[in-house]
Amino acid sequence: MLWIILEQMPLPQVTMQEPRWKMKRSFSRSTLRGQKGFSEIGLKSDMVSQDALRRTIFPLGGLTKDFVKKIAAENRLHHVLQKKESMGICFVGKRKFERFILQYLPPRPGKFISIEDNTVLGTHKGWFLYTLGQKAKISGLNEPWYVVEKDGAKGDVFVAPRTDHPALYRDLLRTSRVHWIAEEPPAQLVRDKMMECQFRFRHQMALVPCVLTLNQDGTVWVTAVKAVRALALGQFAVFYRGDECLGSGKILRLGPSAYTLQKGQSKARVATKGPGDDPDLCPSP
């Protein structure tokens, strides 16, 4: 919508009193996060080459979405203001996601399985129709269940009974070779093999403090300060330091979920507990 506005209105004249109107060219060796209310520039430019960025103009980088809408209203572009913002799959119109995907991919029926006890709760038309963290519509069940894992080989989708279930939370991931925007890679990461920064993997999610560990092949391990909900393979982890976008890497591996770790600790306690440690098994005095 915002690009339509720019195409249909004359650009305002730049003056010292109106610095926010200025169209800035990215001469710097990095990119900055956009103003509140815009699609984040970092999530779009984290894979752009440095040579291309030097020739890139971000005309809306210093403006908020509300301010641009005000410009549109002042220029009587009401048909643009009335357009709803795109959600879900961009540029495909009002279509149901499942129906749209199944036009291009054949169904691969599989089972919904409880992550807690491996009970089969229902069936689905394809594991690729679901993303981690979303609500799973399981026929015959009134209570909500949420997707926590997927097995593409068997076609099974594992679900949990709460939106905040520990099976949805992880604090460790590994990326592909990282594309660094300014330095390849940052000097601190090369020197110390570790570096503190922040990352995100979804549009407009809050930045998560993390520690990067550099591997010899250019990939990185990302350890989040706190467990993050619904990390998924194939998404891109985009790294920031303050307002600066450093680069990104595709998520290739995930660490164990908080639920898996809890089960492991529980089993370890059971394994190390002797008969005399259980009060129910202690002889009567």
Protein backbone atom coordinates (compact mmCIF):
# COMPACT_ATOMS: atom_id res chain seq x y z
CA MET A 1 0.00 0.00 0.00
CA LEU A 2 2.76 2.43 0.91
CA TRP A 3 4.50 2.09 -2.44
CA ILE A 4 1.19 2.86 -4.19
CA ILE A 5 1.02 6.09 -2.21
CA LEU A 6 4.50 7.09 -3.30
CA GLU A 7 3.74 6.36 -6.94
CA GLN A 8 0.61 8.51 -6.93
CA MET A 9 1.84 11.64 -5.17
CA PRO A 10 4.58 14.20 -5.78
CA LEU A 11 7.50 13.85 -3.43
CA PRO A 12 7.63 16.75 -0.96
CA GLN A 13 10.41 19.26 -1.22
CA VAL A 14 13.22 18.68 1.27
CA THR A 15 13.84 21.49 3.71
CA MET A 16 15.77 21.82 6.95
CA GLN A 17 12.45 22.07 8.79
CA GLU A 18 11.20 18.78 7.36
CA PRO A 19 14.00 16.23 7.84
CA ARG A 20 11.59 13.31 8.11
CA TRP A 21 10.55 13.72 4.45
CA LYS A 22 14.03 13.20 3.10
CA MET A 23 14.60 10.13 0.97
CA LYS A 24 17.78 8.59 2.31
CA ARG A 25 20.24 6.56 0.30
CA SER A 26 21.97 3.69 2.10
CA PHE A 27 25.62 4.75 1.85
CA SER A 28 26.34 3.04 5.18
CA ARG A 29 27.66 -0.49 5.36
CA SER A 30 24.66 -1.75 7.26
CA THR A 31 20.89 -1.36 7.48
CA LEU A 32 18.74 -0.08 10.31
CA ARG A 33 15.39 -1.21 11.60
CA GLY A 34 12.39 0.72 10.27
CA GLN A 35 10.19 2.99 12.32
CA LYS A 36 7.38 1.50 14.39
CA GLY A 37 4.43 0.42 12.27
CA PHE A 38 6.37 -0.48 9.12
CA SER A 39 7.47 -3.82 7.79
CA GLU A 40 10.94 -4.24 9.21
CA ILE A 41 13.62 -3.30 6.69
CA GLY A 42 16.01 -5.74 8.33
CA LEU A 43 13.83 -8.77 7.55
CA LYS A 44 13.77 -7.77 3.88
CA SER A 45 17.38 -6.69 3.39
CA ASP A 46 19.29 -9.16 5.54
CA MET A 47 20.25 -11.19 2.44
CA VAL A 48 21.00 -8.22 0.14
CA SER A 49 24.59 -7.77 -0.98
CA GLN A 50 26.65 -4.83 0.28
CA ASP A 51 27.13 -3.59 -3.27
CA ALA A 52 23.35 -3.42 -3.78
CA LEU A 53 22.77 -1.70 -0.45
CA ARG A 54 25.14 1.12 -1.38
CA ARG A 55 22.78 1.95 -4.25
CA THR A 56 19.54 1.48 -2.34
CA ILE A 57 17.09 4.20 -1.32
CA PHE A 58 14.69 3.69 1.59
CA PRO A 59 12.10 6.45 1.02
CA LEU A 60 9.96 5.44 3.99
CA GLY A 61 12.71 4.41 6.39
CA GLY A 62 12.34 7.48 8.61
CA LEU A 63 8.52 7.59 8.65
CA THR A 64 5.90 5.72 10.62
CA LYS A 65 2.99 4.02 8.90
CA ASP A 66 0.50 6.38 10.56
CA PHE A 67 2.41 9.39 9.22
CA VAL A 68 2.39 8.01 5.66
CA LYS A 69 -1.35 7.41 5.92
CA LYS A 70 -1.72 11.04 6.97
CA ILE A 71 0.17 12.05 3.81
CA ALA A 72 -2.19 9.91 1.74
CA ALA A 73 -5.23 11.53 3.34
CA GLU A 74 -3.87 15.03 2.71
CA ASN A 75 -3.43 14.09 -0.96
CA ARG A 76 -6.97 12.64 -1.14
CA LEU A 77 -5.79 9.10 -1.88
CA HIS A 78 -8.79 7.66 -0.05
CA HIS A 79 -9.01 4.54 -2.24
CA VAL A 80 -5.54 3.62 -0.98
CA LEU A 81 -6.43 4.25 2.65
CA GLN A 82 -9.49 2.01 2.40
CA LYS A 83 -7.47 -0.98 1.22
CA LYS A 84 -6.91 -3.59 3.89
CA GLU A 85 -3.35 -4.57 4.62
CA SER A 86 -2.26 -7.96 3.33
CA MET A 87 -2.15 -10.81 5.82
CA GLY A 88 -1.09 -14.41 5.41
CA ILE A 89 0.12 -15.28 1.91
CA CYS A 90 0.83 -12.01 0.11
CA PHE A 91 -0.62 -11.26 -3.31
CA VAL A 92 -2.94 -14.29 -3.60
CA GLY A 93 -6.15 -12.57 -2.51
CA LYS A 94 -8.87 -13.93 -0.26
CA ARG A 95 -8.20 -17.64 -0.28
CA LYS A 96 -8.05 -20.27 2.41
CA PHE A 97 -4.48 -21.38 2.98
CA GLU A 98 -5.23 -25.13 2.86
CA ARG A 99 -7.25 -24.90 -0.35
CA PHE A 100 -4.59 -22.73 -2.00
CA ILE A 101 -1.66 -25.02 -1.10
CA LEU A 102 -3.48 -28.19 -2.15
CA GLN A 103 -3.85 -26.73 -5.65
CA TYR A 104 -0.09 -27.15 -6.02
CA LEU A 105 0.84 -30.00 -3.66
CA PRO A 106 -0.90 -33.39 -3.56
CA PRO A 107 -2.43 -34.36 -0.21
CA ARG A 108 -0.27 -36.47 2.09
CA PRO A 109 -2.64 -37.77 4.78
CA GLY A 110 -1.15 -38.28 8.21
CA LYS A 111 -2.01 -38.41 11.90
CA PHE A 112 -2.34 -35.86 14.67
CA ILE A 113 -0.45 -37.34 17.64
CA SER A 114 -0.33 -36.10 21.22
CA ILE A 115 3.23 -35.15 22.18
CA GLU A 116 2.52 -36.21 25.76
CA ASP A 117 1.36 -39.83 25.37
CA ASN A 118 1.53 -40.58 21.60
CA THR A 119 -2.25 -40.96 21.40
CA VAL A 120 -3.62 -40.59 17.86
CA LEU A 121 -6.16 -37.77 18.02
CA GLY A 122 -7.20 -37.49 14.37
CA THR A 123 -6.01 -37.19 10.79
CA HIS A 124 -4.98 -34.39 8.44
CA LYS A 125 -4.37 -33.87 4.71
CA GLY A 126 -0.68 -32.98 4.88
CA TRP A 127 1.95 -32.01 7.46
CA PHE A 128 3.03 -29.11 5.21
CA LEU A 129 -0.31 -27.38 5.86
CA TYR A 130 0.70 -26.60 9.43
CA THR A 131 3.29 -24.41 11.07
CA LEU A 132 4.64 -24.70 14.59
CA GLY A 133 2.58 -22.85 17.16
CA GLN A 134 -0.66 -22.69 15.21
CA LYS A 135 -3.95 -24.12 16.41
CA ALA A 136 -4.69 -27.52 14.90
CA LYS A 137 -8.31 -28.11 13.89
CA ILE A 138 -8.87 -31.73 14.90
CA SER A 139 -12.25 -33.19 14.03
CA GLY A 140 -14.30 -34.27 17.04
CA LEU A 141 -12.26 -32.33 19.61
CA ASN A 142 -13.65 -29.18 21.19
CA GLU A 143 -10.58 -28.18 23.20
CA PRO A 144 -7.75 -26.46 21.30
CA TRP A 145 -4.53 -28.30 20.44
CA TYR A 146 -1.39 -26.67 19.06
CA VAL A 147 1.24 -27.90 16.61
CA VAL A 148 4.58 -28.49 18.36
CA GLU A 149 6.50 -30.81 15.99
CA LYS A 150 6.21 -32.27 12.50
CA ASP A 151 7.59 -35.50 11.03
CA GLY A 152 7.82 -34.96 7.28
CA ALA A 153 9.04 -38.52 6.62
CA LYS A 154 6.08 -40.21 8.31
CA GLY A 155 3.65 -37.35 7.75
CA ASP A 156 2.72 -37.05 11.43
CA VAL A 157 1.91 -33.78 13.20
CA PHE A 158 2.53 -33.71 16.96
CA VAL A 159 0.25 -31.50 19.02
CA ALA A 160 0.00 -30.28 22.62
CA PRO A 161 -3.02 -29.13 24.64
CA ARG A 162 -1.88 -25.58 25.49
CA THR A 163 -0.64 -22.57 23.57
CA ASP A 164 2.13 -22.17 26.14
CA HIS A 165 3.07 -25.86 26.30
CA PRO A 166 6.82 -26.36 26.98
CA ALA A 167 7.09 -28.46 23.81
CA LEU A 168 6.77 -25.17 21.88
CA TYR A 169 9.78 -23.53 23.54
CA ARG A 170 13.46 -23.84 22.61
CA ASP A 171 16.55 -21.80 23.36
CA LEU A 172 19.05 -23.27 20.87
CA LEU A 173 19.31 -23.35 17.09
CA ARG A 174 21.93 -23.64 14.35
CA THR A 175 21.85 -21.65 11.13
CA SER A 176 23.29 -22.06 7.67
CA ARG A 177 26.37 -20.03 6.75
CA VAL A 178 25.45 -16.51 7.81
CA HIS A 179 25.16 -13.69 5.30
CA TRP A 180 26.75 -10.71 7.06
CA ILE A 181 25.81 -7.29 5.72
CA ALA A 182 28.76 -5.16 6.85
CA GLU A 183 31.53 -7.44 8.09
CA GLU A 184 32.18 -11.03 7.10
CA PRO A 185 31.78 -11.91 9.96
CA PRO A 186 31.97 -9.22 12.69
CA ALA A 187 35.46 -8.71 14.09
CA GLN A 188 34.34 -9.45 17.65
CA LEU A 189 32.87 -12.79 16.60
CA VAL A 190 36.06 -13.73 14.74
CA ARG A 191 38.24 -12.75 17.70
CA ASP A 192 36.22 -14.26 20.54
CA LYS A 193 34.28 -16.95 18.62
CA MET A 194 31.25 -15.72 20.59
CA MET A 195 29.24 -12.52 20.48
CA GLU A 196 26.19 -11.09 22.23
CA CYS A 197 23.46 -9.60 20.04
CA GLN A 198 19.71 -9.95 19.41
CA PHE A 199 17.70 -11.92 16.86
CA ARG A 200 14.21 -12.47 15.55
CA PHE A 201 12.67 -14.91 13.08
CA ARG A 202 9.18 -13.48 12.60
CA HIS A 203 7.91 -10.15 11.34
CA GLN A 204 7.67 -7.55 14.12
CA MET A 205 8.39 -9.97 16.97
CA ALA A 206 10.35 -8.51 19.87
CA LEU A 207 14.11 -8.83 19.59
CA VAL A 208 15.49 -11.71 21.67
CA PRO A 209 18.89 -11.35 23.37
CA CYS A 210 21.21 -14.18 22.41
CA VAL A 211 24.80 -15.37 22.18
CA LEU A 212 26.25 -16.42 18.81
CA THR A 213 28.93 -19.11 18.63
CA LEU A 214 30.86 -19.17 15.36
CA ASN A 215 31.63 -22.49 13.68
CA GLN A 216 34.51 -23.07 11.27
CA ASP A 217 32.15 -23.45 8.30
CA GLY A 218 30.59 -20.00 8.86
CA THR A 219 27.43 -21.33 10.47
CA VAL A 220 26.49 -20.20 13.97
CA TRP A 221 24.88 -21.67 17.05
CA VAL A 222 22.33 -19.25 18.52
CA THR A 223 21.68 -19.56 22.25
CA ALA A 224 18.73 -17.44 23.36
CA VAL A 225 18.80 -15.89 26.81
CA LYS A 226 15.31 -17.30 27.35
CA ALA A 227 13.39 -19.99 25.50
CA VAL A 228 11.53 -18.79 22.39
CA ARG A 229 8.12 -20.00 21.22
CA ALA A 230 7.59 -21.80 17.90
CA LEU A 231 11.06 -21.79 16.34
CA ALA A 232 10.82 -23.63 13.02
CA LEU A 233 13.23 -25.10 10.50
CA GLY A 234 13.48 -23.12 7.28
CA GLN A 235 12.83 -19.74 8.87
CA PHE A 236 15.58 -17.12 8.88
CA ALA A 237 17.18 -15.92 12.08
CA VAL A 238 17.96 -12.22 11.56
CA PHE A 239 20.61 -10.71 13.83
CA TYR A 240 20.72 -7.18 15.24
CA ARG A 241 22.92 -5.09 17.45
CA GLY A 242 20.81 -2.21 18.67
CA ASP A 243 19.11 -0.75 15.59
CA GLU A 244 21.67 -2.22 13.17
CA CYS A 245 20.78 -5.31 11.15
CA LEU A 246 23.90 -7.50 11.03
CA GLY A 247 22.74 -10.28 8.72
CA SER A 248 20.90 -13.60 8.80
CA GLY A 249 21.09 -17.36 8.44
CA LYS A 250 18.53 -20.04 7.63
CA ILE A 251 17.54 -22.20 10.60
CA LEU A 252 18.78 -25.73 9.89
CA ARG A 253 18.77 -27.40 13.31
CA LEU A 254 16.86 -26.94 16.53
CA GLY A 255 17.87 -27.81 20.07
CA PRO A 256 15.60 -29.89 22.31
CA SER A 257 12.36 -28.36 23.49
CA ALA A 258 11.80 -27.41 27.11
CA TYR A 259 9.38 -30.34 27.32
CA THR A 260 12.02 -32.82 26.11
CA LEU A 261 14.50 -31.44 28.62
CA GLN A 262 11.94 -31.72 31.42
CA LYS A 263 11.25 -35.34 30.52
CA GLY A 264 14.98 -36.07 30.44
CA GLN A 265 15.48 -34.56 33.87
CA SER A 266 12.52 -36.52 35.21
CA LYS A 267 13.92 -39.79 33.86
CA ALA A 268 17.34 -38.97 35.31
CA ARG A 269 15.81 -38.41 38.76
CA VAL A 270 13.97 -41.72 38.56
CA ALA A 271 17.11 -43.54 37.42
CA THR A 272 19.26 -42.16 40.25
CA LYS A 273 16.67 -42.71 42.97
CA GLY A 274 17.37 -45.78 45.10
CA PRO A 275 14.70 -47.91 46.82
CA GLY A 276 15.49 -46.32 50.17
CA ASP A 277 14.92 -42.82 48.74
CA ASP A 278 11.21 -43.42 48.13
CA PRO A 279 9.20 -42.89 51.33
CA ASP A 280 6.55 -45.33 50.12
CA LEU A 281 9.17 -48.06 49.94
CA CYS A 282 10.84 -47.34 53.29
CA PRO A 283 10.35 -50.03 55.97
CA SER A 284 8.07 -49.10 58.81
CA PRO A 285 9.88 -48.18 62.02
